[in-house]
């Protein structure tokens, strides 16, 4: 019983458990299968990465104050974060991996960095 490539339909030669005739067919098949999810995840990851770079650039010393206007002018998107931390005092920090921020008075934010 001969098997055919899931991508191009060519006859497969080699191991019994092979599903593709070549690496390029395997890659093309998997790219097609994951395309919709990849675009969504790629866009979200790009936004997370951009936000992280902005916080990292504006907070080189691990703790600083910054205005909302400054964050927005750099292209920061407040909709994208990796976690939320609520303190016992009732403060809420929003984090992008180890870089975080918290709202304070007058459209100001305090930027913090978690210790590793």
C-alpha atoms as a PDB file:
ATOM      1  CA  UNK A   1       0.000   0.000   0.000  1.00  0.00           C
ATOM      2  CA  UNK A   2       1.593   3.281  -1.078  1.00  0.00           C
ATOM      3  CA  UNK A   3       1.020   6.540   0.717  1.00  0.00           C
ATOM      4  CA  UNK A   4       0.701   9.966  -0.854  1.00  0.00           C
ATOM      5  CA  UNK A   5       1.903  13.358   0.334  1.00  0.00           C
ATOM      6  CA  UNK A   6      -0.765  15.318   2.226  1.00  0.00           C
ATOM      7  CA  UNK A   7       0.301  18.503   0.419  1.00  0.00           C
ATOM      8  CA  UNK A   8       0.969  17.639  -3.231  1.00  0.00           C
ATOM      9  CA  UNK A   9      -0.350  14.087  -3.585  1.00  0.00           C
ATOM     10  CA  UNK A  10       2.974  12.639  -4.815  1.00  0.00           C
ATOM     11  CA  UNK A  11       3.949   9.119  -3.828  1.00  0.00           C
ATOM     12  CA  UNK A  12       5.944   9.004  -0.564  1.00  0.00           C
ATOM     13  CA  UNK A  13       9.175   7.025  -0.510  1.00  0.00           C
ATOM     14  CA  UNK A  14      10.879   6.200   2.766  1.00  0.00           C
ATOM     15  CA  UNK A  15       9.732   5.600   6.299  1.00  0.00           C
ATOM     16  CA  UNK A  16       6.358   4.032   6.875  1.00  0.00           C
ATOM     17  CA  UNK A  17       5.104   6.914   9.042  1.00  0.00           C
ATOM     18  CA  UNK A  18       6.027   9.756   6.647  1.00  0.00           C
ATOM     19  CA  UNK A  19       3.199  12.093   5.686  1.00  0.00           C
ATOM     20  CA  UNK A  20       5.006  14.399   3.244  1.00  0.00           C
ATOM     21  CA  UNK A  21       7.337  13.869   0.327  1.00  0.00           C
ATOM     22  CA  UNK A  22       9.656  16.753   1.285  1.00  0.00           C
ATOM     23  CA  UNK A  23      10.358  19.434   3.863  1.00  0.00           C
ATOM     24  CA  UNK A  24       8.912  22.091   1.570  1.00  0.00           C
ATOM     25  CA  UNK A  25       5.584  20.204   1.318  1.00  0.00           C
ATOM     26  CA  UNK A  26       5.526  19.711   5.096  1.00  0.00           C
ATOM     27  CA  UNK A  27       6.165  23.438   5.640  1.00  0.00           C
ATOM     28  CA  UNK A  28       3.581  24.498   3.049  1.00  0.00           C
ATOM     29  CA  UNK A  29       0.945  22.189   4.560  1.00  0.00           C
ATOM     30  CA  UNK A  30       1.571  23.391   8.120  1.00  0.00           C
ATOM     31  CA  UNK A  31       1.616  27.039   7.052  1.00  0.00           C
ATOM     32  CA  UNK A  32      -1.794  26.597   5.398  1.00  0.00           C
ATOM     33  CA  UNK A  33      -3.199  24.794   8.432  1.00  0.00           C
ATOM     34  CA  UNK A  34      -2.041  27.507  10.869  1.00  0.00           C
ATOM     35  CA  UNK A  35      -2.527  30.636   8.743  1.00  0.00           C
ATOM     36  CA  UNK A  36      -5.627  32.111  10.427  1.00  0.00           C
ATOM     37  CA  UNK A  37      -4.325  31.529  13.937  1.00  0.00           C
ATOM     38  CA  UNK A  38      -0.829  32.705  13.018  1.00  0.00           C
ATOM     39  CA  UNK A  39      -2.049  36.094  11.771  1.00  0.00           C
ATOM     40  CA  UNK A  40      -4.024  36.758  14.942  1.00  0.00           C
ATOM     41  CA  UNK A  41      -1.223  35.596  17.224  1.00  0.00           C
ATOM     42  CA  UNK A  42       1.423  37.430  15.187  1.00  0.00           C
ATOM     43  CA  UNK A  43      -0.507  40.706  15.462  1.00  0.00           C
ATOM     44  CA  UNK A  44      -1.048  40.312  19.213  1.00  0.00           C
ATOM     45  CA  UNK A  45       2.578  39.350  19.819  1.00  0.00           C
ATOM     46  CA  UNK A  46       3.757  42.349  17.785  1.00  0.00           C
ATOM     47  CA  UNK A  47       1.642  44.686  19.931  1.00  0.00           C
ATOM     48  CA  UNK A  48       2.923  43.072  23.146  1.00  0.00           C
ATOM     49  CA  UNK A  49       6.502  43.324  21.894  1.00  0.00           C
ATOM     50  CA  UNK A  50       6.059  47.011  20.980  1.00  0.00           C
ATOM     51  CA  UNK A  51       4.536  47.837  24.382  1.00  0.00           C
ATOM     52  CA  UNK A  52       7.379  45.985  26.133  1.00  0.00           C
ATOM     53  CA  UNK A  53      10.035  47.881  24.157  1.00  0.00           C
ATOM     54  CA  UNK A  54       8.380  51.205  25.046  1.00  0.00           C
ATOM     55  CA  UNK A  55       8.279  50.408  28.779  1.00  0.00           C
ATOM     56  CA  UNK A  56      11.832  49.072  28.699  1.00  0.00           C
ATOM     57  CA  UNK A  57      13.089  52.215  26.930  1.00  0.00           C
ATOM     58  CA  UNK A  58      11.277  54.632  29.271  1.00  0.00           C
ATOM     59  CA  UNK A  59      12.187  52.738  32.451  1.00  0.00           C
ATOM     60  CA  UNK A  60      15.931  51.983  32.313  1.00  0.00           C
ATOM     61  CA  UNK A  61      16.421  52.245  36.098  1.00  0.00           C
ATOM     62  CA  UNK A  62      13.545  49.984  37.188  1.00  0.00           C
ATOM     63  CA  UNK A  63      11.180  52.654  38.531  1.00  0.00           C
ATOM     64  CA  UNK A  64      10.095  56.003  37.107  1.00  0.00           C
ATOM     65  CA  UNK A  65       7.102  58.301  36.530  1.00  0.00           C
ATOM     66  CA  UNK A  66       5.792  59.087  33.071  1.00  0.00           C
ATOM     67  CA  UNK A  67       2.769  60.846  31.575  1.00  0.00           C
ATOM     68  CA  UNK A  68       0.035  59.116  29.629  1.00  0.00           C
ATOM     69  CA  UNK A  69       0.742  61.525  26.762  1.00  0.00           C
ATOM     70  CA  UNK A  70       4.368  60.370  26.563  1.00  0.00           C
ATOM     71  CA  UNK A  71       3.335  56.702  26.471  1.00  0.00           C
ATOM     72  CA  UNK A  72       0.740  57.372  23.772  1.00  0.00           C
ATOM     73  CA  UNK A  73       3.193  59.435  21.704  1.00  0.00           C
ATOM     74  CA  UNK A  74       5.529  56.415  21.627  1.00  0.00           C
ATOM     75  CA  UNK A  75       2.639  54.250  20.359  1.00  0.00           C
ATOM     76  CA  UNK A  76       1.815  52.426  23.603  1.00  0.00           C
ATOM     77  CA  UNK A  77      -1.476  50.483  23.439  1.00  0.00           C
ATOM     78  CA  UNK A  78      -3.125  50.133  26.861  1.00  0.00           C
ATOM     79  CA  UNK A  79      -5.298  47.246  25.613  1.00  0.00           C
ATOM     80  CA  UNK A  80      -2.379  44.788  25.465  1.00  0.00           C
ATOM     81  CA  UNK A  81      -0.660  43.348  28.536  1.00  0.00           C
ATOM     82  CA  UNK A  82       0.418  39.921  29.786  1.00  0.00           C
ATOM     83  CA  UNK A  83      -0.856  40.060  33.376  1.00  0.00           C
ATOM     84  CA  UNK A  84      -2.594  42.148  36.032  1.00  0.00           C
ATOM     85  CA  UNK A  85      -1.435  42.280  39.646  1.00  0.00           C
ATOM     86  CA  UNK A  86      -3.638  43.554  42.495  1.00  0.00           C
ATOM     87  CA  UNK A  87      -1.780  44.579  45.660  1.00  0.00           C
ATOM     88  CA  UNK A  88      -3.099  44.214  49.217  1.00  0.00           C
ATOM     89  CA  UNK A  89      -3.399  48.027  49.296  1.00  0.00           C
ATOM     90  CA  UNK A  90      -5.853  47.955  46.377  1.00  0.00           C
ATOM     91  CA  UNK A  91      -3.410  49.149  43.711  1.00  0.00           C
ATOM     92  CA  UNK A  92      -3.510  47.542  40.276  1.00  0.00           C
ATOM     93  CA  UNK A  93      -0.375  47.001  38.200  1.00  0.00           C
ATOM     94  CA  UNK A  94      -0.512  45.996  34.547  1.00  0.00           C
ATOM     95  CA  UNK A  95       2.469  43.984  33.327  1.00  0.00           C
ATOM     96  CA  UNK A  96       4.138  43.106  30.072  1.00  0.00           C
ATOM     97  CA  UNK A  97       6.321  40.250  31.227  1.00  0.00           C
ATOM     98  CA  UNK A  98       8.629  41.905  33.808  1.00  0.00           C
ATOM     99  CA  UNK A  99       7.812  45.545  32.920  1.00  0.00           C
ATOM    100  CA  UNK A 100       4.764  47.038  34.617  1.00  0.00           C
ATOM    101  CA  UNK A 101       2.828  50.250  35.127  1.00  0.00           C
ATOM    102  CA  UNK A 102       0.243  51.642  37.504  1.00  0.00           C
ATOM    103  CA  UNK A 103      -2.010  54.672  37.159  1.00  0.00           C
ATOM    104  CA  UNK A 104      -1.351  57.482  39.611  1.00  0.00           C
ATOM    105  CA  UNK A 105      -2.757  61.013  39.833  1.00  0.00           C
ATOM    106  CA  UNK A 106      -3.090  63.532  36.971  1.00  0.00           C
ATOM    107  CA  UNK A 107      -2.750  61.126  34.024  1.00  0.00           C
ATOM    108  CA  UNK A 108       0.619  59.983  35.321  1.00  0.00           C
ATOM    109  CA  UNK A 109       1.912  56.435  35.540  1.00  0.00           C
ATOM    110  CA  UNK A 110       4.586  54.832  37.619  1.00  0.00           C
ATOM    111  CA  UNK A 111       6.668  52.344  35.639  1.00  0.00           C
ATOM    112  CA  UNK A 112       8.221  49.426  37.521  1.00  0.00           C
ATOM    113  CA  UNK A 113      10.309  46.386  36.747  1.00  0.00           C
ATOM    114  CA  UNK A 114       9.856  43.047  38.549  1.00  0.00           C
ATOM    115  CA  UNK A 115      12.942  41.567  40.119  1.00  0.00           C
ATOM    116  CA  UNK A 116      13.945  38.347  38.419  1.00  0.00           C
END
